[in-house]
């Protein structure tokens, strides 16, 4: 998995040279529909298959009006899924705590009758 961990890229074009010298092309970005992403994620992830000790050419073309930060990581698919699951777990704990604090404040407001 080729992972671009920055979600504020307006247009991101991914070009990957396949075995028969053709290019696999993906046009995505936050200005494109979510269906244009090859892997549905909050960041941009591109599933690619690389043979051991092989040479491939990968191009990324980025156009954005935001800060152009392009952190690109190459993952083994299993490790990528573990990282993604851990990030979602941390987000679930965070939002769970926010909801619990909001409910606690509502209960305190109702008990003290200070609307």
PDB file of N, CA and C in Angstrom:
ATOM      1  N   UNK A   1       0.855  -1.170   0.000  1.00  0.00           N
ATOM      2  CA  UNK A   1       0.000   0.000   0.000  1.00  0.00           C
ATOM      3  C   UNK A   1       0.903   1.236   0.000  1.00  0.00           C
ATOM      4  N   UNK A   2       0.627   2.139  -0.912  1.00  0.00           N
ATOM      5  CA  UNK A   2       1.299   3.430  -0.922  1.00  0.00           C
ATOM      6  C   UNK A   2       0.345   4.408  -0.252  1.00  0.00           C
ATOM      7  N   UNK A   3       0.770   4.975   0.855  1.00  0.00           N
ATOM      8  CA  UNK A   3      -0.092   5.785   1.703  1.00  0.00           C
ATOM      9  C   UNK A   3       0.392   7.233   1.689  1.00  0.00           C
ATOM     10  N   UNK A   4      -0.498   8.168   1.346  1.00  0.00           N
ATOM     11  CA  UNK A   4      -0.208   9.601   1.399  1.00  0.00           C
ATOM     12  C   UNK A   4      -1.023  10.150   2.562  1.00  0.00           C
ATOM     13  N   UNK A   5      -0.361  10.398   3.685  1.00  0.00           N
ATOM     14  CA  UNK A   5      -1.054  10.754   4.928  1.00  0.00           C
ATOM     15  C   UNK A   5      -1.288  12.255   5.057  1.00  0.00           C
ATOM     16  N   UNK A   6      -1.969  12.824   4.080  1.00  0.00           N
ATOM     17  CA  UNK A   6      -2.376  14.230   4.162  1.00  0.00           C
ATOM     18  C   UNK A   6      -3.678  14.350   3.385  1.00  0.00           C
ATOM     19  N   UNK A   7      -4.761  14.676   4.065  1.00  0.00           N
ATOM     20  CA  UNK A   7      -6.079  14.648   3.438  1.00  0.00           C
ATOM     21  C   UNK A   7      -6.449  15.940   2.734  1.00  0.00           C
ATOM     22  N   UNK A   8      -5.642  16.988   2.831  1.00  0.00           N
ATOM     23  CA  UNK A   8      -5.984  18.275   2.241  1.00  0.00           C
ATOM     24  C   UNK A   8      -5.292  18.507   0.897  1.00  0.00           C
ATOM     25  N   UNK A   9      -5.249  17.487   0.080  1.00  0.00           N
ATOM     26  CA  UNK A   9      -4.688  17.609  -1.260  1.00  0.00           C
ATOM     27  C   UNK A   9      -5.854  17.665  -2.245  1.00  0.00           C
ATOM     28  N   UNK A  10      -5.964  18.791  -2.925  1.00  0.00           N
ATOM     29  CA  UNK A  10      -7.121  19.021  -3.797  1.00  0.00           C
ATOM     30  C   UNK A  10      -7.168  18.038  -4.966  1.00  0.00           C
ATOM     31  N   UNK A  11      -6.083  17.910  -5.682  1.00  0.00           N
ATOM     32  CA  UNK A  11      -5.979  16.962  -6.794  1.00  0.00           C
ATOM     33  C   UNK A  11      -4.701  16.161  -6.630  1.00  0.00           C
ATOM     34  N   UNK A  12      -4.852  14.853  -6.666  1.00  0.00           N
ATOM     35  CA  UNK A  12      -3.716  13.949  -6.530  1.00  0.00           C
ATOM     36  C   UNK A  12      -3.821  12.924  -7.646  1.00  0.00           C
ATOM     37  N   UNK A  13      -2.838  12.936  -8.525  1.00  0.00           N
ATOM     38  CA  UNK A  13      -2.793  11.978  -9.630  1.00  0.00           C
ATOM     39  C   UNK A  13      -1.687  10.979  -9.347  1.00  0.00           C
ATOM     40  N   UNK A  14      -2.022   9.704  -9.430  1.00  0.00           N
ATOM     41  CA  UNK A  14      -1.111   8.603  -9.132  1.00  0.00           C
ATOM     42  C   UNK A  14      -0.857   7.835 -10.422  1.00  0.00           C
ATOM     43  N   UNK A  15       0.415   7.688 -10.781  1.00  0.00           N
ATOM     44  CA  UNK A  15       0.813   6.940 -11.974  1.00  0.00           C
ATOM     45  C   UNK A  15       1.765   5.837 -11.537  1.00  0.00           C
ATOM     46  N   UNK A  16       1.432   4.592 -11.906  1.00  0.00           N
ATOM     47  CA  UNK A  16       2.243   3.437 -11.527  1.00  0.00           C
ATOM     48  C   UNK A  16       2.535   2.625 -12.775  1.00  0.00           C
ATOM     49  N   UNK A  17       3.817   2.394 -13.036  1.00  0.00           N
ATOM     50  CA  UNK A  17       4.219   1.634 -14.217  1.00  0.00           C
ATOM     51  C   UNK A  17       4.059   0.148 -13.937  1.00  0.00           C
ATOM     52  N   UNK A  18       3.274  -0.525 -14.747  1.00  0.00           N
ATOM     53  CA  UNK A  18       3.022  -1.954 -14.572  1.00  0.00           C
ATOM     54  C   UNK A  18       4.101  -2.767 -15.288  1.00  0.00           C
ATOM     55  N   UNK A  19       3.988  -4.080 -15.216  1.00  0.00           N
ATOM     56  CA  UNK A  19       4.998  -4.982 -15.783  1.00  0.00           C
ATOM     57  C   UNK A  19       5.162  -4.799 -17.292  1.00  0.00           C
ATOM     58  N   UNK A  20       4.070  -4.536 -18.014  1.00  0.00           N
ATOM     59  CA  UNK A  20       4.144  -4.430 -19.475  1.00  0.00           C
ATOM     60  C   UNK A  20       4.376  -2.993 -19.937  1.00  0.00           C
ATOM     61  N   UNK A  21       4.995  -2.178 -19.096  1.00  0.00           N
ATOM     62  CA  UNK A  21       5.398  -0.803 -19.408  1.00  0.00           C
ATOM     63  C   UNK A  21       4.211   0.146 -19.622  1.00  0.00           C
ATOM     64  N   UNK A  22       3.003  -0.263 -19.264  1.00  0.00           N
ATOM     65  CA  UNK A  22       1.853   0.628 -19.288  1.00  0.00           C
ATOM     66  C   UNK A  22       1.737   1.308 -17.930  1.00  0.00           C
ATOM     67  N   UNK A  23       0.980   2.384 -17.878  1.00  0.00           N
ATOM     68  CA  UNK A  23       0.804   3.102 -16.617  1.00  0.00           C
ATOM     69  C   UNK A  23      -0.611   2.934 -16.104  1.00  0.00           C
ATOM     70  N   UNK A  24      -0.701   2.555 -14.846  1.00  0.00           N
ATOM     71  CA  UNK A  24      -1.983   2.539 -14.146  1.00  0.00           C
ATOM     72  C   UNK A  24      -2.174   3.950 -13.599  1.00  0.00           C
ATOM     73  N   UNK A  25      -3.300   4.581 -13.867  1.00  0.00           N
ATOM     74  CA  UNK A  25      -3.523   5.968 -13.494  1.00  0.00           C
ATOM     75  C   UNK A  25      -4.744   6.085 -12.590  1.00  0.00           C
ATOM     76  N   UNK A  26      -4.606   6.866 -11.511  1.00  0.00           N
ATOM     77  CA  UNK A  26      -5.720   7.157 -10.607  1.00  0.00           C
ATOM     78  C   UNK A  26      -5.741   8.663 -10.382  1.00  0.00           C
ATOM     79  N   UNK A  27      -6.875   9.280 -10.628  1.00  0.00           N
ATOM     80  CA  UNK A  27      -7.060  10.708 -10.375  1.00  0.00           C
ATOM     81  C   UNK A  27      -7.975  10.843  -9.165  1.00  0.00           C
ATOM     82  N   UNK A  28      -7.469  11.440  -8.104  1.00  0.00           N
ATOM     83  CA  UNK A  28      -8.244  11.562  -6.871  1.00  0.00           C
ATOM     84  C   UNK A  28      -7.888  12.875  -6.192  1.00  0.00           C
ATOM     85  N   UNK A  29      -8.342  13.062  -4.974  1.00  0.00           N
ATOM     86  CA  UNK A  29      -8.130  14.281  -4.210  1.00  0.00           C
ATOM     87  C   UNK A  29      -9.411  14.638  -3.489  1.00  0.00           C
ATOM     88  N   UNK A  30      -9.358  15.633  -2.605  1.00  0.00           N
ATOM     89  CA  UNK A  30     -10.576  15.958  -1.867  1.00  0.00           C
ATOM     90  C   UNK A  30     -11.625  16.649  -2.731  1.00  0.00           C
ATOM     91  N   UNK A  31     -11.234  17.178  -3.890  1.00  0.00           N
ATOM     92  CA  UNK A  31     -12.206  17.793  -4.788  1.00  0.00           C
ATOM     93  C   UNK A  31     -12.891  16.751  -5.682  1.00  0.00           C
ATOM     94  N   UNK A  32     -12.415  15.516  -5.655  1.00  0.00           N
ATOM     95  CA  UNK A  32     -12.996  14.431  -6.440  1.00  0.00           C
ATOM     96  C   UNK A  32     -13.943  13.623  -5.553  1.00  0.00           C
ATOM     97  N   UNK A  33     -14.888  12.908  -6.155  1.00  0.00           N
ATOM     98  CA  UNK A  33     -15.774  12.054  -5.347  1.00  0.00           C
ATOM     99  C   UNK A  33     -14.991  10.946  -4.643  1.00  0.00           C
ATOM    100  N   UNK A  34     -15.519  10.481  -3.530  1.00  0.00           N
ATOM    101  CA  UNK A  34     -14.858   9.430  -2.750  1.00  0.00           C
ATOM    102  C   UNK A  34     -14.717   8.144  -3.575  1.00  0.00           C
ATOM    103  N   UNK A  35     -15.599   7.928  -4.522  1.00  0.00           N
ATOM    104  CA  UNK A  35     -15.530   6.726  -5.359  1.00  0.00           C
ATOM    105  C   UNK A  35     -14.288   6.714  -6.254  1.00  0.00           C
ATOM    106  N   UNK A  36     -13.633   7.866  -6.414  1.00  0.00           N
ATOM    107  CA  UNK A  36     -12.423   7.901  -7.242  1.00  0.00           C
ATOM    108  C   UNK A  36     -11.212   7.320  -6.518  1.00  0.00           C
ATOM    109  N   UNK A  37     -11.347   7.089  -5.226  1.00  0.00           N
ATOM    110  CA  UNK A  37     -10.221   6.527  -4.460  1.00  0.00           C
ATOM    111  C   UNK A  37     -10.194   5.013  -4.595  1.00  0.00           C
ATOM    112  N   UNK A  38      -9.034   4.445  -4.869  1.00  0.00           N
ATOM    113  CA  UNK A  38      -8.965   2.986  -4.996  1.00  0.00           C
ATOM    114  C   UNK A  38      -9.132   2.272  -3.655  1.00  0.00           C
ATOM    115  N   UNK A  39      -8.828   2.952  -2.558  1.00  0.00           N
ATOM    116  CA  UNK A  39      -9.011   2.393  -1.216  1.00  0.00           C
ATOM    117  C   UNK A  39      -9.710   3.447  -0.378  1.00  0.00           C
ATOM    118  N   UNK A  40     -10.868   3.115   0.157  1.00  0.00           N
ATOM    119  CA  UNK A  40     -11.666   4.083   0.909  1.00  0.00           C
ATOM    120  C   UNK A  40     -11.041   4.295   2.291  1.00  0.00           C
ATOM    121  N   UNK A  41     -10.459   5.465   2.481  1.00  0.00           N
ATOM    122  CA  UNK A  41      -9.770   5.796   3.719  1.00  0.00           C
ATOM    123  C   UNK A  41      -9.834   7.299   3.918  1.00  0.00           C
ATOM    124  N   UNK A  42      -9.521   7.768   5.120  1.00  0.00           N
ATOM    125  CA  UNK A  42      -9.529   9.212   5.351  1.00  0.00           C
ATOM    126  C   UNK A  42      -8.326   9.885   4.713  1.00  0.00           C
ATOM    127  N   UNK A  43      -7.274   9.121   4.443  1.00  0.00           N
ATOM    128  CA  UNK A  43      -6.134   9.595   3.683  1.00  0.00           C
ATOM    129  C   UNK A  43      -6.176   8.946   2.306  1.00  0.00           C
ATOM    130  N   UNK A  44      -5.180   9.181   1.507  1.00  0.00           N
ATOM    131  CA  UNK A  44      -5.122   8.603   0.170  1.00  0.00           C
ATOM    132  C   UNK A  44      -4.213   7.381   0.203  1.00  0.00           C
ATOM    133  N   UNK A  45      -4.761   6.228  -0.134  1.00  0.00           N
ATOM    134  CA  UNK A  45      -4.000   4.976  -0.138  1.00  0.00           C
ATOM    135  C   UNK A  45      -4.195   4.298  -1.489  1.00  0.00           C
ATOM    136  N   UNK A  46      -3.102   3.775  -2.020  1.00  0.00           N
ATOM    137  CA  UNK A  46      -3.120   3.140  -3.332  1.00  0.00           C
ATOM    138  C   UNK A  46      -2.576   1.726  -3.187  1.00  0.00           C
ATOM    139  N   UNK A  47      -3.400   0.703  -3.423  1.00  0.00           N
ATOM    140  CA  UNK A  47      -2.893  -0.673  -3.355  1.00  0.00           C
ATOM    141  C   UNK A  47      -2.062  -0.989  -4.601  1.00  0.00           C
ATOM    142  N   UNK A  48      -0.823  -1.382  -4.386  1.00  0.00           N
ATOM    143  CA  UNK A  48       0.058  -1.752  -5.497  1.00  0.00           C
ATOM    144  C   UNK A  48       0.721  -3.088  -5.165  1.00  0.00           C
ATOM    145  N   UNK A  49       1.088  -3.806  -6.193  1.00  0.00           N
ATOM    146  CA  UNK A  49       1.757  -5.102  -6.028  1.00  0.00           C
ATOM    147  C   UNK A  49       3.169  -4.960  -6.569  1.00  0.00           C
ATOM    148  N   UNK A  50       4.143  -5.239  -5.711  1.00  0.00           N
ATOM    149  CA  UNK A  50       5.553  -5.157  -6.093  1.00  0.00           C
ATOM    150  C   UNK A  50       6.212  -6.506  -5.854  1.00  0.00           C
ATOM    151  N   UNK A  51       6.908  -6.991  -6.855  1.00  0.00           N
ATOM    152  CA  UNK A  51       7.673  -8.221  -6.690  1.00  0.00           C
ATOM    153  C   UNK A  51       8.965  -7.898  -5.944  1.00  0.00           C
ATOM    154  N   UNK A  52       9.503  -8.901  -5.268  1.00  0.00           N
ATOM    155  CA  UNK A  52      10.749  -8.703  -4.535  1.00  0.00           C
ATOM    156  C   UNK A  52      11.880  -8.362  -5.490  1.00  0.00           C
ATOM    157  N   UNK A  53      12.702  -7.407  -5.110  1.00  0.00           N
ATOM    158  CA  UNK A  53      13.875  -6.967  -5.864  1.00  0.00           C
ATOM    159  C   UNK A  53      13.528  -6.465  -7.271  1.00  0.00           C
ATOM    160  N   UNK A  54      12.341  -5.893  -7.431  1.00  0.00           N
ATOM    161  CA  UNK A  54      11.951  -5.354  -8.734  1.00  0.00           C
ATOM    162  C   UNK A  54      12.057  -3.834  -8.720  1.00  0.00           C
ATOM    163  N   UNK A  55      12.074  -3.252  -9.895  1.00  0.00           N
ATOM    164  CA  UNK A  55      12.154  -1.806 -10.042  1.00  0.00           C
ATOM    165  C   UNK A  55      10.884  -1.311 -10.725  1.00  0.00           C
ATOM    166  N   UNK A  56      10.236  -0.341 -10.120  1.00  0.00           N
ATOM    167  CA  UNK A  56       9.020   0.242 -10.671  1.00  0.00           C
ATOM    168  C   UNK A  56       9.118   1.756 -10.578  1.00  0.00           C
ATOM    169  N   UNK A  57       8.378   2.410 -11.440  1.00  0.00           N
ATOM    170  CA  UNK A  57       8.338   3.859 -11.422  1.00  0.00           C
ATOM    171  C   UNK A  57       6.968   4.301 -10.935  1.00  0.00           C
ATOM    172  N   UNK A  58       6.964   5.184  -9.937  1.00  0.00           N
ATOM    173  CA  UNK A  58       5.726   5.728  -9.387  1.00  0.00           C
ATOM    174  C   UNK A  58       5.815   7.243  -9.462  1.00  0.00           C
ATOM    175  N   UNK A  59       4.776   7.864 -10.005  1.00  0.00           N
ATOM    176  CA  UNK A  59       4.707   9.321 -10.060  1.00  0.00           C
ATOM    177  C   UNK A  59       3.488   9.791  -9.287  1.00  0.00           C
ATOM    178  N   UNK A  60       3.662  10.866  -8.544  1.00  0.00           N
ATOM    179  CA  UNK A  60       2.546  11.539  -7.879  1.00  0.00           C
ATOM    180  C   UNK A  60       2.534  12.986  -8.370  1.00  0.00           C
ATOM    181  N   UNK A  61       1.400  13.426  -8.856  1.00  0.00           N
ATOM    182  CA  UNK A  61       1.232  14.818  -9.265  1.00  0.00           C
ATOM    183  C   UNK A  61       0.228  15.435  -8.307  1.00  0.00           C
ATOM    184  N   UNK A  62       0.639  16.496  -7.618  1.00  0.00           N
ATOM    185  CA  UNK A  62      -0.195  17.119  -6.596  1.00  0.00           C
ATOM    186  C   UNK A  62      -0.476  18.565  -6.985  1.00  0.00           C
ATOM    187  N   UNK A  63      -1.741  18.938  -6.873  1.00  0.00           N
ATOM    188  CA  UNK A  63      -2.153  20.320  -7.083  1.00  0.00           C
ATOM    189  C   UNK A  63      -3.108  20.669  -5.949  1.00  0.00           C
ATOM    190  N   UNK A  64      -2.781  21.716  -5.194  1.00  0.00           N
ATOM    191  CA  UNK A  64      -3.624  22.104  -4.076  1.00  0.00           C
ATOM    192  C   UNK A  64      -3.411  23.569  -3.750  1.00  0.00           C
ATOM    193  N   UNK A  65      -4.414  24.172  -3.138  1.00  0.00           N
ATOM    194  CA  UNK A  65      -4.285  25.548  -2.667  1.00  0.00           C
ATOM    195  C   UNK A  65      -3.892  25.589  -1.201  1.00  0.00           C
ATOM    196  N   UNK A  66      -3.912  24.445  -0.553  1.00  0.00           N
ATOM    197  CA  UNK A  66      -3.519  24.336   0.849  1.00  0.00           C
ATOM    198  C   UNK A  66      -2.012  24.114   0.941  1.00  0.00           C
ATOM    199  N   UNK A  67      -1.536  23.921   2.139  1.00  0.00           N
ATOM    200  CA  UNK A  67      -0.118  23.606   2.326  1.00  0.00           C
ATOM    201  C   UNK A  67       0.196  22.284   1.628  1.00  0.00           C
ATOM    202  N   UNK A  68       1.269  22.278   0.872  1.00  0.00           N
ATOM    203  CA  UNK A  68       1.624  21.086   0.119  1.00  0.00           C
ATOM    204  C   UNK A  68       2.562  20.219   0.953  1.00  0.00           C
ATOM    205  N   UNK A  69       1.955  19.378   1.764  1.00  0.00           N
ATOM    206  CA  UNK A  69       2.680  18.417   2.590  1.00  0.00           C
ATOM    207  C   UNK A  69       2.383  17.049   2.005  1.00  0.00           C
ATOM    208  N   UNK A  70       3.419  16.314   1.641  1.00  0.00           N
ATOM    209  CA  UNK A  70       3.217  15.043   0.958  1.00  0.00           C
ATOM    210  C   UNK A  70       3.992  13.943   1.683  1.00  0.00           C
ATOM    211  N   UNK A  71       3.493  13.474   2.823  1.00  0.00           N
ATOM    212  CA  UNK A  71       4.159  12.358   3.511  1.00  0.00           C
ATOM    213  C   UNK A  71       3.737  11.027   2.880  1.00  0.00           C
ATOM    214  N   UNK A  72       4.633  10.410   2.162  1.00  0.00           N
ATOM    215  CA  UNK A  72       4.345   9.169   1.451  1.00  0.00           C
ATOM    216  C   UNK A  72       5.031   8.016   2.171  1.00  0.00           C
ATOM    217  N   UNK A  73       4.266   6.977   2.447  1.00  0.00           N
ATOM    218  CA  UNK A  73       4.800   5.783   3.103  1.00  0.00           C
ATOM    219  C   UNK A  73       4.411   4.555   2.295  1.00  0.00           C
ATOM    220  N   UNK A  74       5.307   3.602   2.218  1.00  0.00           N
ATOM    221  CA  UNK A  74       5.043   2.342   1.542  1.00  0.00           C
ATOM    222  C   UNK A  74       4.885   1.264   2.617  1.00  0.00           C
ATOM    223  N   UNK A  75       3.730   0.602   2.626  1.00  0.00           N
ATOM    224  CA  UNK A  75       3.393  -0.354   3.675  1.00  0.00           C
ATOM    225  C   UNK A  75       3.192  -1.755   3.090  1.00  0.00           C
ATOM    226  N   UNK A  76       3.481  -2.742   3.903  1.00  0.00           N
ATOM    227  CA  UNK A  76       2.993  -4.091   3.653  1.00  0.00           C
ATOM    228  C   UNK A  76       1.504  -4.038   3.983  1.00  0.00           C
ATOM    229  N   UNK A  77       0.619  -4.604   3.156  1.00  0.00           N
ATOM    230  CA  UNK A  77      -0.820  -4.428   3.375  1.00  0.00           C
ATOM    231  C   UNK A  77      -1.304  -4.790   4.783  1.00  0.00           C
ATOM    232  N   UNK A  78      -0.797  -5.860   5.360  1.00  0.00           N
ATOM    233  CA  UNK A  78      -1.236  -6.257   6.694  1.00  0.00           C
ATOM    234  C   UNK A  78      -0.852  -5.195   7.736  1.00  0.00           C
ATOM    235  N   UNK A  79       0.361  -4.661   7.639  1.00  0.00           N
ATOM    236  CA  UNK A  79       0.800  -3.614   8.570  1.00  0.00           C
ATOM    237  C   UNK A  79      -0.014  -2.335   8.391  1.00  0.00           C
ATOM    238  N   UNK A  80      -0.377  -2.021   7.152  1.00  0.00           N
ATOM    239  CA  UNK A  80      -1.209  -0.848   6.883  1.00  0.00           C
ATOM    240  C   UNK A  80      -2.568  -0.986   7.558  1.00  0.00           C
ATOM    241  N   UNK A  81      -3.179  -2.161   7.452  1.00  0.00           N
ATOM    242  CA  UNK A  81      -4.495  -2.369   8.064  1.00  0.00           C
ATOM    243  C   UNK A  81      -4.422  -2.319   9.584  1.00  0.00           C
ATOM    244  N   UNK A  82      -3.342  -2.824  10.169  1.00  0.00           N
ATOM    245  CA  UNK A  82      -3.163  -2.746  11.622  1.00  0.00           C
ATOM    246  C   UNK A  82      -3.023  -1.292  12.062  1.00  0.00           C
ATOM    247  N   UNK A  83      -2.226  -0.503  11.329  1.00  0.00           N
ATOM    248  CA  UNK A  83      -2.053   0.920  11.651  1.00  0.00           C
ATOM    249  C   UNK A  83      -3.379   1.661  11.547  1.00  0.00           C
ATOM    250  N   UNK A  84      -4.128   1.380  10.482  1.00  0.00           N
ATOM    251  CA  UNK A  84      -5.413   2.049  10.279  1.00  0.00           C
ATOM    252  C   UNK A  84      -6.406   1.682  11.378  1.00  0.00           C
ATOM    253  N   UNK A  85      -6.437   0.416  11.774  1.00  0.00           N
ATOM    254  CA  UNK A  85      -7.333  -0.026  12.844  1.00  0.00           C
ATOM    255  C   UNK A  85      -6.959   0.628  14.171  1.00  0.00           C
ATOM    256  N   UNK A  86      -5.661   0.760  14.455  1.00  0.00           N
ATOM    257  CA  UNK A  86      -5.227   1.425  15.688  1.00  0.00           C
ATOM    258  C   UNK A  86      -5.626   2.896  15.701  1.00  0.00           C
ATOM    259  N   UNK A  87      -5.497   3.576  14.555  1.00  0.00           N
ATOM    260  CA  UNK A  87      -5.905   4.980  14.486  1.00  0.00           C
ATOM    261  C   UNK A  87      -7.403   5.131  14.711  1.00  0.00           C
ATOM    262  N   UNK A  88      -8.203   4.231  14.123  1.00  0.00           N
ATOM    263  CA  UNK A  88      -9.653   4.299  14.316  1.00  0.00           C
ATOM    264  C   UNK A  88     -10.030   3.980  15.756  1.00  0.00           C
ATOM    265  N   UNK A  89      -9.286   3.099  16.409  1.00  0.00           N
ATOM    266  CA  UNK A  89      -9.556   2.793  17.817  1.00  0.00           C
ATOM    267  C   UNK A  89      -9.300   4.017  18.695  1.00  0.00           C
ATOM    268  N   UNK A  90      -8.211   4.722  18.436  1.00  0.00           N
ATOM    269  CA  UNK A  90      -7.909   5.935  19.204  1.00  0.00           C
ATOM    270  C   UNK A  90      -8.984   6.989  18.974  1.00  0.00           C
ATOM    271  N   UNK A  91      -9.456   7.133  17.736  1.00  0.00           N
ATOM    272  CA  UNK A  91     -10.519   8.089  17.456  1.00  0.00           C
ATOM    273  C   UNK A  91     -11.819   7.691  18.152  1.00  0.00           C
ATOM    274  N   UNK A  92     -12.127   6.408  18.194  1.00  0.00           N
ATOM    275  CA  UNK A  92     -13.344   5.944  18.867  1.00  0.00           C
ATOM    276  C   UNK A  92     -13.277   6.244  20.360  1.00  0.00           C
ATOM    277  N   UNK A  93     -12.125   6.031  20.981  1.00  0.00           N
ATOM    278  CA  UNK A  93     -11.969   6.352  22.408  1.00  0.00           C
ATOM    279  C   UNK A  93     -12.134   7.851  22.630  1.00  0.00           C
ATOM    280  N   UNK A  94     -11.522   8.661  21.764  1.00  0.00           N
ATOM    281  CA  UNK A  94     -11.618  10.118  21.894  1.00  0.00           C
ATOM    282  C   UNK A  94     -13.066  10.588  21.793  1.00  0.00           C
ATOM    283  N   UNK A  95     -13.777  10.158  20.750  1.00  0.00           N
ATOM    284  CA  UNK A  95     -15.155  10.600  20.583  1.00  0.00           C
ATOM    285  C   UNK A  95     -16.069  10.018  21.654  1.00  0.00           C
ATOM    286  N   UNK A  96     -15.761   8.828  22.152  1.00  0.00           N
ATOM    287  CA  UNK A  96     -16.515   8.273  23.268  1.00  0.00           C
ATOM    288  C   UNK A  96     -16.373   9.140  24.513  1.00  0.00           C
ATOM    289  N   UNK A  97     -15.157   9.607  24.780  1.00  0.00           N
ATOM    290  CA  UNK A  97     -14.936  10.492  25.932  1.00  0.00           C
ATOM    291  C   UNK A  97     -15.653  11.830  25.753  1.00  0.00           C
ATOM    292  N   UNK A  98     -15.648  12.372  24.548  1.00  0.00           N
ATOM    293  CA  UNK A  98     -16.339  13.640  24.284  1.00  0.00           C
ATOM    294  C   UNK A  98     -17.837  13.479  24.525  1.00  0.00           C
ATOM    295  N   UNK A  99     -18.421  12.387  24.046  1.00  0.00           N
ATOM    296  CA  UNK A  99     -19.853  12.146  24.254  1.00  0.00           C
ATOM    297  C   UNK A  99     -20.149  11.946  25.732  1.00  0.00           C
ATOM    298  N   UNK A 100     -19.302  11.220  26.455  1.00  0.00           N
ATOM    299  CA  UNK A 100     -19.512  11.002  27.882  1.00  0.00           C
ATOM    300  C   UNK A 100     -19.454  12.316  28.655  1.00  0.00           C
ATOM    301  N   UNK A 101     -18.512  13.188  28.328  1.00  0.00           N
ATOM    302  CA  UNK A 101     -18.410  14.485  29.001  1.00  0.00           C
ATOM    303  C   UNK A 101     -19.620  15.352  28.682  1.00  0.00           C
ATOM    304  N   UNK A 102     -20.086  15.326  27.434  1.00  0.00           N
ATOM    305  CA  UNK A 102     -21.272  16.097  27.064  1.00  0.00           C
ATOM    306  C   UNK A 102     -22.501  15.601  27.809  1.00  0.00           C
ATOM    307  N   UNK A 103     -22.669  14.288  27.911  1.00  0.00           N
ATOM    308  CA  UNK A 103     -23.810  13.740  28.661  1.00  0.00           C
ATOM    309  C   UNK A 103     -23.711  14.081  30.145  1.00  0.00           C
ATOM    310  N   UNK A 104     -22.519  14.040  30.701  1.00  0.00           N
ATOM    311  CA  UNK A 104     -22.329  14.392  32.100  1.00  0.00           C
ATOM    312  C   UNK A 104     -22.695  15.861  32.341  1.00  0.00           C
ATOM    313  N   UNK A 105     -22.313  16.745  31.428  1.00  0.00           N
ATOM    314  CA  UNK A 105     -22.683  18.160  31.555  1.00  0.00           C
ATOM    315  C   UNK A 105     -24.188  18.359  31.460  1.00  0.00           C
ATOM    316  N   UNK A 106     -24.840  17.610  30.580  1.00  0.00           N
ATOM    317  CA  UNK A 106     -26.308  17.708  30.476  1.00  0.00           C
ATOM    318  C   UNK A 106     -26.961  17.240  31.760  1.00  0.00           C
ATOM    319  N   UNK A 107     -26.469  16.159  32.332  1.00  0.00           N
ATOM    320  CA  UNK A 107     -27.027  15.654  33.600  1.00  0.00           C
ATOM    321  C   UNK A 107     -26.819  16.673  34.716  1.00  0.00           C
ATOM    322  N   UNK A 108     -25.622  17.264  34.807  1.00  0.00           N
ATOM    323  CA  UNK A 108     -25.380  18.293  35.821  1.00  0.00           C
ATOM    324  C   UNK A 108     -26.289  19.501  35.625  1.00  0.00           C
ATOM    325  N   UNK A 109     -26.541  19.888  34.386  1.00  0.00           N
ATOM    326  CA  UNK A 109     -27.424  21.021  34.111  1.00  0.00           C
ATOM    327  C   UNK A 109     -28.854  20.715  34.527  1.00  0.00           C
ATOM    328  N   UNK A 110     -29.295  19.487  34.244  1.00  0.00           N
ATOM    329  CA  UNK A 110     -30.662  19.103  34.620  1.00  0.00           C
ATOM    330  C   UNK A 110     -30.821  18.996  36.137  1.00  0.00           C
ATOM    331  N   UNK A 111     -29.817  18.481  36.818  1.00  0.00           N
ATOM    332  CA  UNK A 111     -29.872  18.341  38.270  1.00  0.00           C
ATOM    333  C   UNK A 111     -29.847  19.702  38.946  1.00  0.00           C
ATOM    334  N   UNK A 112     -29.007  20.591  38.457  1.00  0.00           N
ATOM    335  CA  UNK A 112     -28.897  21.917  39.103  1.00  0.00           C
ATOM    336  C   UNK A 112     -29.943  22.889  38.559  1.00  0.00           C
ATOM    337  N   UNK A 113     -30.697  22.489  37.540  1.00  0.00           N
ATOM    338  CA  UNK A 113     -31.775  23.300  36.933  1.00  0.00           C
ATOM    339  C   UNK A 113     -31.279  24.654  36.469  1.00  0.00           C
ATOM    340  N   UNK A 114     -30.086  24.698  35.898  1.00  0.00           N
ATOM    341  CA  UNK A 114     -29.533  25.931  35.337  1.00  0.00           C
ATOM    342  C   UNK A 114     -29.509  25.761  33.826  1.00  0.00           C
ATOM    343  N   UNK A 115     -30.563  26.178  33.188  1.00  0.00           N
ATOM    344  CA  UNK A 115     -30.667  26.031  31.744  1.00  0.00           C
ATOM    345  C   UNK A 115     -30.118  27.252  31.094  1.00  0.00           C
TER     346      UNK A 115
END
